[in-house]
Amino acid sequence: MAALAQHPEESEMARKQSPPRPPKSVYCFIVEGCTELNLSQLKILQEVITLAVFVPFALFYMNQPLKWDYLWAAICIIGAVYFIFRN
């Protein structure tokens, strides 16, 4: 069965209706205004949020013991945040 060809006017209408996309590898994070974050900043932000939720869950709900390794890992994450977000 042959694929149906789109009319040029239909594709033009679809292009006009879609919202503009941000440039590749730059995303808009809306809190109070618009702050552009690149992919590496988004990844570090994801890790910080994940650990901020998971560590208290592991400590209080799953009753895991607190270890010194958690402190050293937190210091490494803080260092990553510093280096990735500095100008």
Protein backbone atom coordinates (compact mmCIF):
# COMPACT_ATOMS: atom_id res chain seq x y z
CA MET A 1 0.00 0.00 0.00
CA ALA A 2 1.47 3.34 -1.00
CA ALA A 3 2.01 6.01 1.65
CA LEU A 4 -0.20 9.05 1.32
CA ALA A 5 1.65 12.21 0.39
CA GLN A 6 0.93 15.31 2.44
CA HIS A 7 -0.26 18.42 0.75
CA PRO A 8 2.33 21.25 0.94
CA GLU A 9 -0.29 23.55 2.52
CA GLU A 10 -1.01 20.99 5.27
CA SER A 11 2.64 20.67 6.29
CA GLU A 12 3.00 24.46 6.24
CA MET A 13 -0.03 24.78 8.56
CA ALA A 14 1.38 22.18 10.94
CA ARG A 15 4.72 24.02 11.01
CA LYS A 16 2.99 27.32 11.82
CA GLN A 17 0.98 25.79 14.68
CA SER A 18 3.88 24.18 16.55
CA PRO A 19 5.58 26.36 19.19
CA PRO A 20 9.20 27.39 18.63
CA ARG A 21 11.77 25.06 20.14
CA PRO A 22 14.72 26.23 22.24
CA PRO A 23 18.20 25.85 20.75
CA LYS A 24 19.65 22.36 21.03
CA SER A 25 21.28 21.62 24.43
CA VAL A 26 19.86 24.75 26.11
CA TYR A 27 16.76 24.40 28.25
CA CYS A 28 14.62 26.93 30.07
CA PHE A 29 14.05 26.26 33.77
CA ILE A 30 11.22 28.49 34.98
CA VAL A 31 11.18 29.45 38.66
CA GLU A 32 11.12 33.24 38.62
CA GLY A 33 11.90 34.14 35.07
CA CYS A 34 13.90 32.06 32.67
CA THR A 35 17.31 30.56 33.45
CA GLU A 36 19.05 28.65 30.70
CA LEU A 37 20.69 25.39 31.73
CA ASN A 38 22.89 23.22 29.55
CA LEU A 39 22.85 19.41 29.63
CA SER A 40 25.66 19.01 32.16
CA GLN A 41 23.98 21.45 34.56
CA LEU A 42 20.68 19.58 34.19
CA LYS A 43 22.41 16.27 34.97
CA ILE A 44 24.05 17.60 38.14
CA LEU A 45 20.74 19.17 39.19
CA GLN A 46 19.03 15.81 38.65
CA GLU A 47 21.59 14.05 40.86
CA VAL A 48 21.22 16.63 43.64
CA ILE A 49 17.43 16.34 43.64
CA THR A 50 17.58 12.53 43.52
CA LEU A 51 19.97 12.32 46.47
CA ALA A 52 18.02 14.94 48.44
CA VAL A 53 14.97 12.64 48.19
CA PHE A 54 16.65 9.23 48.35
CA VAL A 55 19.02 9.70 51.31
CA PRO A 56 16.32 10.70 53.84
CA PHE A 57 14.13 7.89 52.46
CA ALA A 58 16.94 5.37 52.95
CA LEU A 59 17.76 6.64 56.45
CA PHE A 60 14.28 7.07 57.91
CA TYR A 61 11.99 4.71 56.02
CA MET A 62 14.37 1.87 55.14
CA ASN A 63 16.31 2.23 58.46
CA GLN A 64 19.73 2.18 56.80
CA PRO A 65 22.66 3.20 59.03
CA LEU A 66 24.33 6.57 58.43
CA LYS A 67 27.90 6.11 57.16
CA TRP A 68 30.87 8.43 56.69
CA ASP A 69 30.78 7.55 52.99
CA TYR A 70 27.56 9.56 52.68
CA LEU A 71 29.37 12.66 53.96
CA TRP A 72 32.21 12.24 51.45
CA ALA A 73 29.74 11.64 48.62
CA ALA A 74 27.81 14.78 49.62
CA ILE A 75 31.03 16.81 49.55
CA CYS A 76 31.76 15.50 46.04
CA ILE A 77 28.26 16.46 44.87
CA ILE A 78 28.65 19.95 46.39
CA GLY A 79 31.96 20.25 44.53
CA ALA A 80 30.29 19.18 41.29
CA VAL A 81 27.57 21.80 41.79
CA TYR A 82 30.20 24.47 42.44
CA PHE A 83 32.28 23.65 39.37
CA ILE A 84 29.38 23.14 36.95
CA PHE A 85 27.43 26.29 37.93
CA ARG A 86 30.30 28.78 38.34
CA ASN A 87 30.61 31.39 35.61
